[in-house]
Amino acid sequence: MKSLSVSAGMCFFCIHAAAQTPPGIGHESPRPPVAADGTKTAVPNLQARQQQLLDDVRDLLVQVEILQAELRAGSAATVSAQSVKRSQKIEDLSKRIHRNLKP
């Protein structure tokens, strides 16, 4: 019975200690972006960023649909240079979207 109360006391202590973090640890406010020279940079316009992402995704979908149509219409044995260029553009758009989605 005594070990049960000690275990319960330890659990209470751990929960209580975790709930009380010292000031400045774990609850820091986000810092503004800083350029390489140490000056503060402007916070990016989130609406413009979202609009650019939507435009990129829309363009990506269009390019994929065009490539799909080209591949369906072409020969199974060969792929046109235009299709290869289009696939490179799709890859570039995809990478840009992925990069811009990261915080």
N, C-alpha and C. Protein backbone atom coordinates (compact mmCIF):
# COMPACT_ATOMS: atom_id res chain seq x y z
N MET A 1 0.82 -1.20 0.00
CA MET A 1 0.00 0.00 0.00
C MET A 1 0.86 1.26 0.00
N LYS A 2 1.98 1.18 0.74
CA LYS A 2 2.86 2.34 0.80
C LYS A 2 3.49 2.63 -0.57
N SER A 3 3.81 1.58 -1.33
CA SER A 3 4.42 1.80 -2.66
C SER A 3 3.43 2.45 -3.60
N LEU A 4 2.13 2.16 -3.43
CA LEU A 4 1.11 2.78 -4.26
C LEU A 4 1.04 4.28 -4.00
N SER A 5 1.10 4.68 -2.72
CA SER A 5 1.03 6.10 -2.41
C SER A 5 2.30 6.83 -2.85
N VAL A 6 3.44 6.16 -2.79
CA VAL A 6 4.69 6.77 -3.27
C VAL A 6 4.62 6.95 -4.78
N SER A 7 4.10 5.95 -5.50
CA SER A 7 3.97 6.05 -6.95
C SER A 7 3.02 7.17 -7.33
N ALA A 8 1.90 7.27 -6.61
CA ALA A 8 0.94 8.32 -6.89
C ALA A 8 1.55 9.69 -6.61
N GLY A 9 2.33 9.78 -5.54
CA GLY A 9 3.00 11.04 -5.20
C GLY A 9 4.02 11.43 -6.25
N MET A 10 4.75 10.45 -6.79
CA MET A 10 5.73 10.73 -7.83
C MET A 10 5.04 11.20 -9.11
N CYS A 11 3.92 10.57 -9.45
CA CYS A 11 3.18 10.98 -10.65
C CYS A 11 2.68 12.41 -10.49
N PHE A 12 2.14 12.74 -9.31
CA PHE A 12 1.66 14.10 -9.06
C PHE A 12 2.80 15.10 -9.18
N PHE A 13 3.97 14.74 -8.63
CA PHE A 13 5.12 15.62 -8.68
C PHE A 13 5.55 15.85 -10.13
N CYS A 14 5.59 14.78 -10.94
CA CYS A 14 6.01 14.91 -12.35
C CYS A 14 5.04 15.77 -13.14
N ILE A 15 3.75 15.57 -12.93
CA ILE A 15 2.75 16.35 -13.65
C ILE A 15 2.82 17.81 -13.21
N HIS A 16 2.95 18.04 -11.92
CA HIS A 16 3.01 19.41 -11.39
C HIS A 16 4.26 20.13 -11.90
N ALA A 17 5.40 19.42 -11.93
CA ALA A 17 6.64 20.04 -12.38
C ALA A 17 6.59 20.34 -13.88
N ALA A 18 5.97 19.47 -14.66
CA ALA A 18 5.88 19.69 -16.10
C ALA A 18 4.97 20.87 -16.43
N ALA A 19 3.95 21.09 -15.60
CA ALA A 19 3.01 22.17 -15.86
C ALA A 19 3.60 23.54 -15.55
N GLN A 20 4.61 23.57 -14.69
CA GLN A 20 5.21 24.85 -14.32
C GLN A 20 6.59 24.97 -14.97
N THR A 21 6.63 25.55 -16.14
CA THR A 21 7.92 25.76 -16.80
C THR A 21 8.43 27.14 -16.42
N PRO A 22 9.72 27.26 -16.25
CA PRO A 22 10.29 28.57 -15.92
C PRO A 22 10.02 29.57 -17.03
N PRO A 23 9.97 30.86 -16.67
CA PRO A 23 9.72 31.88 -17.69
C PRO A 23 10.80 31.86 -18.77
N GLY A 24 10.35 32.00 -20.01
CA GLY A 24 11.29 32.06 -21.12
C GLY A 24 11.65 30.70 -21.69
N ILE A 25 11.16 29.62 -21.10
CA ILE A 25 11.47 28.29 -21.61
C ILE A 25 10.20 27.67 -22.14
N GLY A 26 10.20 27.28 -23.40
CA GLY A 26 9.07 26.59 -24.00
C GLY A 26 7.94 27.48 -24.46
N HIS A 27 7.86 28.70 -23.99
CA HIS A 27 6.77 29.59 -24.37
C HIS A 27 7.31 30.88 -24.97
N GLU A 28 8.29 30.73 -25.83
CA GLU A 28 8.90 31.91 -26.44
C GLU A 28 8.02 32.43 -27.57
N SER A 29 7.97 33.72 -27.69
CA SER A 29 7.21 34.31 -28.80
C SER A 29 8.04 34.15 -30.07
N PRO A 30 7.38 34.00 -31.23
CA PRO A 30 8.13 33.84 -32.47
C PRO A 30 8.95 35.08 -32.76
N ARG A 31 10.15 34.85 -33.22
CA ARG A 31 11.05 35.96 -33.54
C ARG A 31 10.85 36.38 -34.98
N PRO A 32 10.95 37.67 -35.26
CA PRO A 32 10.81 38.12 -36.66
C PRO A 32 12.00 37.63 -37.48
N PRO A 33 11.81 37.41 -38.78
CA PRO A 33 12.91 36.97 -39.63
C PRO A 33 14.05 37.97 -39.61
N VAL A 34 15.28 37.46 -39.64
CA VAL A 34 16.46 38.31 -39.62
C VAL A 34 17.31 37.98 -40.84
N ALA A 35 17.76 39.02 -41.54
CA ALA A 35 18.61 38.84 -42.72
C ALA A 35 20.02 38.48 -42.28
N ALA A 36 20.85 38.09 -43.24
CA ALA A 36 22.22 37.68 -42.95
C ALA A 36 23.04 38.81 -42.32
N ASP A 37 22.71 40.06 -42.65
CA ASP A 37 23.47 41.18 -42.10
C ASP A 37 22.96 41.60 -40.71
N GLY A 38 21.97 40.89 -40.18
CA GLY A 38 21.47 41.17 -38.83
C GLY A 38 20.28 42.09 -38.77
N THR A 39 19.88 42.66 -39.90
CA THR A 39 18.72 43.55 -39.90
C THR A 39 17.44 42.73 -39.98
N LYS A 40 16.38 43.28 -39.42
CA LYS A 40 15.09 42.58 -39.46
C LYS A 40 14.50 42.71 -40.85
N THR A 41 13.93 41.61 -41.32
CA THR A 41 13.27 41.63 -42.63
C THR A 41 11.76 41.75 -42.42
N ALA A 42 11.07 42.15 -43.45
CA ALA A 42 9.62 42.30 -43.36
C ALA A 42 8.98 40.92 -43.25
N VAL A 43 7.94 40.82 -42.46
CA VAL A 43 7.19 39.58 -42.35
C VAL A 43 6.45 39.38 -43.67
N PRO A 44 6.58 38.18 -44.25
CA PRO A 44 5.95 37.97 -45.56
C PRO A 44 4.43 38.10 -45.47
N ASN A 45 3.86 38.62 -46.51
CA ASN A 45 2.42 38.78 -46.58
C ASN A 45 1.80 37.39 -46.78
N LEU A 46 1.10 36.90 -45.78
CA LEU A 46 0.58 35.55 -45.80
C LEU A 46 -0.48 35.36 -46.87
N GLN A 47 -1.28 36.38 -47.12
CA GLN A 47 -2.30 36.25 -48.16
C GLN A 47 -1.66 36.15 -49.54
N ALA A 48 -0.62 36.91 -49.78
CA ALA A 48 0.08 36.85 -51.06
C ALA A 48 0.75 35.49 -51.22
N ARG A 49 1.30 34.97 -50.14
CA ARG A 49 1.94 33.65 -50.16
C ARG A 49 0.91 32.57 -50.48
N GLN A 50 -0.25 32.65 -49.84
CA GLN A 50 -1.30 31.67 -50.09
C GLN A 50 -1.78 31.76 -51.53
N GLN A 51 -1.94 32.97 -52.05
CA GLN A 51 -2.38 33.15 -53.43
C GLN A 51 -1.36 32.58 -54.40
N GLN A 52 -0.08 32.79 -54.12
CA GLN A 52 0.98 32.24 -54.98
C GLN A 52 0.95 30.72 -54.95
N LEU A 53 0.73 30.13 -53.78
CA LEU A 53 0.63 28.68 -53.68
C LEU A 53 -0.56 28.16 -54.48
N LEU A 54 -1.69 28.84 -54.38
CA LEU A 54 -2.88 28.42 -55.13
C LEU A 54 -2.64 28.52 -56.64
N ASP A 55 -1.98 29.59 -57.06
CA ASP A 55 -1.66 29.75 -58.48
C ASP A 55 -0.71 28.64 -58.96
N ASP A 56 0.29 28.32 -58.14
CA ASP A 56 1.24 27.27 -58.50
C ASP A 56 0.55 25.91 -58.59
N VAL A 57 -0.34 25.63 -57.66
CA VAL A 57 -1.06 24.36 -57.67
C VAL A 57 -1.98 24.28 -58.89
N ARG A 58 -2.64 25.38 -59.20
CA ARG A 58 -3.51 25.41 -60.38
C ARG A 58 -2.68 25.16 -61.65
N ASP A 59 -1.53 25.81 -61.77
CA ASP A 59 -0.64 25.61 -62.91
C ASP A 59 -0.14 24.17 -62.97
N LEU A 60 0.19 23.61 -61.81
CA LEU A 60 0.65 22.22 -61.74
C LEU A 60 -0.42 21.27 -62.28
N LEU A 61 -1.66 21.48 -61.87
CA LEU A 61 -2.75 20.62 -62.33
C LEU A 61 -2.93 20.73 -63.84
N VAL A 62 -2.85 21.94 -64.38
CA VAL A 62 -2.99 22.13 -65.82
C VAL A 62 -1.87 21.40 -66.56
N GLN A 63 -0.64 21.56 -66.09
CA GLN A 63 0.50 20.92 -66.74
C GLN A 63 0.39 19.39 -66.70
N VAL A 64 -0.08 18.86 -65.58
CA VAL A 64 -0.25 17.41 -65.45
C VAL A 64 -1.31 16.90 -66.42
N GLU A 65 -2.41 17.62 -66.53
CA GLU A 65 -3.46 17.20 -67.46
C GLU A 65 -2.99 17.25 -68.91
N ILE A 66 -2.22 18.27 -69.27
CA ILE A 66 -1.68 18.37 -70.63
C ILE A 66 -0.71 17.22 -70.89
N LEU A 67 0.18 16.95 -69.94
CA LEU A 67 1.13 15.86 -70.09
C LEU A 67 0.40 14.52 -70.22
N GLN A 68 -0.62 14.32 -69.43
CA GLN A 68 -1.39 13.09 -69.51
C GLN A 68 -2.00 12.92 -70.91
N ALA A 69 -2.57 13.99 -71.45
CA ALA A 69 -3.16 13.93 -72.78
C ALA A 69 -2.09 13.66 -73.84
N GLU A 70 -0.90 14.29 -73.72
CA GLU A 70 0.19 14.05 -74.65
C GLU A 70 0.64 12.60 -74.63
N LEU A 71 0.76 12.04 -73.42
CA LEU A 71 1.21 10.66 -73.30
C LEU A 71 0.17 9.68 -73.83
N ARG A 72 -1.09 9.97 -73.63
CA ARG A 72 -2.14 9.09 -74.16
C ARG A 72 -2.19 9.13 -75.69
N ALA A 73 -1.94 10.30 -76.25
CA ALA A 73 -2.02 10.46 -77.70
C ALA A 73 -0.76 9.94 -78.41
N GLY A 74 0.36 9.90 -77.72
CA GLY A 74 1.62 9.51 -78.35
C GLY A 74 1.81 8.01 -78.41
N SER A 75 2.93 7.65 -78.97
CA SER A 75 3.31 6.25 -79.11
C SER A 75 3.81 5.71 -77.77
N ALA A 76 3.58 4.43 -77.55
CA ALA A 76 4.04 3.80 -76.32
C ALA A 76 5.54 3.59 -76.31
N ALA A 77 6.15 3.61 -77.50
CA ALA A 77 7.58 3.34 -77.62
C ALA A 77 8.44 4.59 -77.44
N THR A 78 7.87 5.79 -77.67
CA THR A 78 8.67 7.01 -77.59
C THR A 78 7.93 8.08 -76.79
N VAL A 79 8.73 9.00 -76.27
CA VAL A 79 8.19 10.16 -75.55
C VAL A 79 8.78 11.39 -76.22
N SER A 80 7.95 12.37 -76.51
CA SER A 80 8.41 13.57 -77.20
C SER A 80 9.27 14.44 -76.28
N ALA A 81 10.10 15.27 -76.90
CA ALA A 81 10.94 16.20 -76.14
C ALA A 81 10.06 17.19 -75.38
N GLN A 82 8.94 17.56 -75.99
CA GLN A 82 8.02 18.48 -75.33
C GLN A 82 7.46 17.87 -74.04
N SER A 83 7.17 16.58 -74.06
CA SER A 83 6.66 15.90 -72.86
C SER A 83 7.72 15.85 -71.77
N VAL A 84 8.97 15.65 -72.17
CA VAL A 84 10.06 15.64 -71.20
C VAL A 84 10.22 17.02 -70.58
N LYS A 85 10.16 18.07 -71.39
CA LYS A 85 10.25 19.43 -70.86
C LYS A 85 9.07 19.74 -69.93
N ARG A 86 7.89 19.27 -70.32
CA ARG A 86 6.71 19.50 -69.49
C ARG A 86 6.86 18.76 -68.15
N SER A 87 7.39 17.56 -68.17
CA SER A 87 7.59 16.82 -66.92
C SER A 87 8.61 17.52 -66.02
N GLN A 88 9.62 18.16 -66.63
CA GLN A 88 10.59 18.93 -65.84
C GLN A 88 9.91 20.14 -65.21
N LYS A 89 9.02 20.80 -65.97
CA LYS A 89 8.28 21.95 -65.42
C LYS A 89 7.39 21.49 -64.27
N ILE A 90 6.77 20.32 -64.40
CA ILE A 90 5.92 19.77 -63.33
C ILE A 90 6.76 19.52 -62.09
N GLU A 91 7.94 18.96 -62.28
CA GLU A 91 8.83 18.70 -61.15
C GLU A 91 9.25 20.00 -60.47
N ASP A 92 9.59 21.01 -61.25
CA ASP A 92 9.99 22.31 -60.69
C ASP A 92 8.84 22.95 -59.90
N LEU A 93 7.64 22.91 -60.47
CA LEU A 93 6.47 23.46 -59.76
C LEU A 93 6.23 22.71 -58.46
N SER A 94 6.35 21.40 -58.52
CA SER A 94 6.13 20.59 -57.33
C SER A 94 7.14 20.93 -56.23
N LYS A 95 8.39 21.08 -56.62
CA LYS A 95 9.42 21.44 -55.64
C LYS A 95 9.18 22.83 -55.06
N ARG A 96 8.75 23.78 -55.90
CA ARG A 96 8.47 25.13 -55.42
C ARG A 96 7.32 25.13 -54.43
N ILE A 97 6.26 24.37 -54.76
CA ILE A 97 5.13 24.27 -53.84
C ILE A 97 5.56 23.67 -52.53
N HIS A 98 6.34 22.59 -52.60
CA HIS A 98 6.80 21.93 -51.37
C HIS A 98 7.67 22.87 -50.54
N ARG A 99 8.56 23.59 -51.18
CA ARG A 99 9.44 24.53 -50.48
C ARG A 99 8.65 25.66 -49.83
N ASN A 100 7.62 26.16 -50.53
CA ASN A 100 6.84 27.27 -50.00
C ASN A 100 5.84 26.85 -48.92
N LEU A 101 5.54 25.57 -48.84
CA LEU A 101 4.65 25.10 -47.78
C LEU A 101 5.36 24.99 -46.44
N LYS A 102 6.68 24.88 -46.47
CA LYS A 102 7.43 24.80 -45.22
C LYS A 102 7.43 26.16 -44.55
N PRO A 103 7.32 26.16 -43.22
CA PRO A 103 7.31 27.46 -42.51
C PRO A 103 8.63 28.17 -42.56
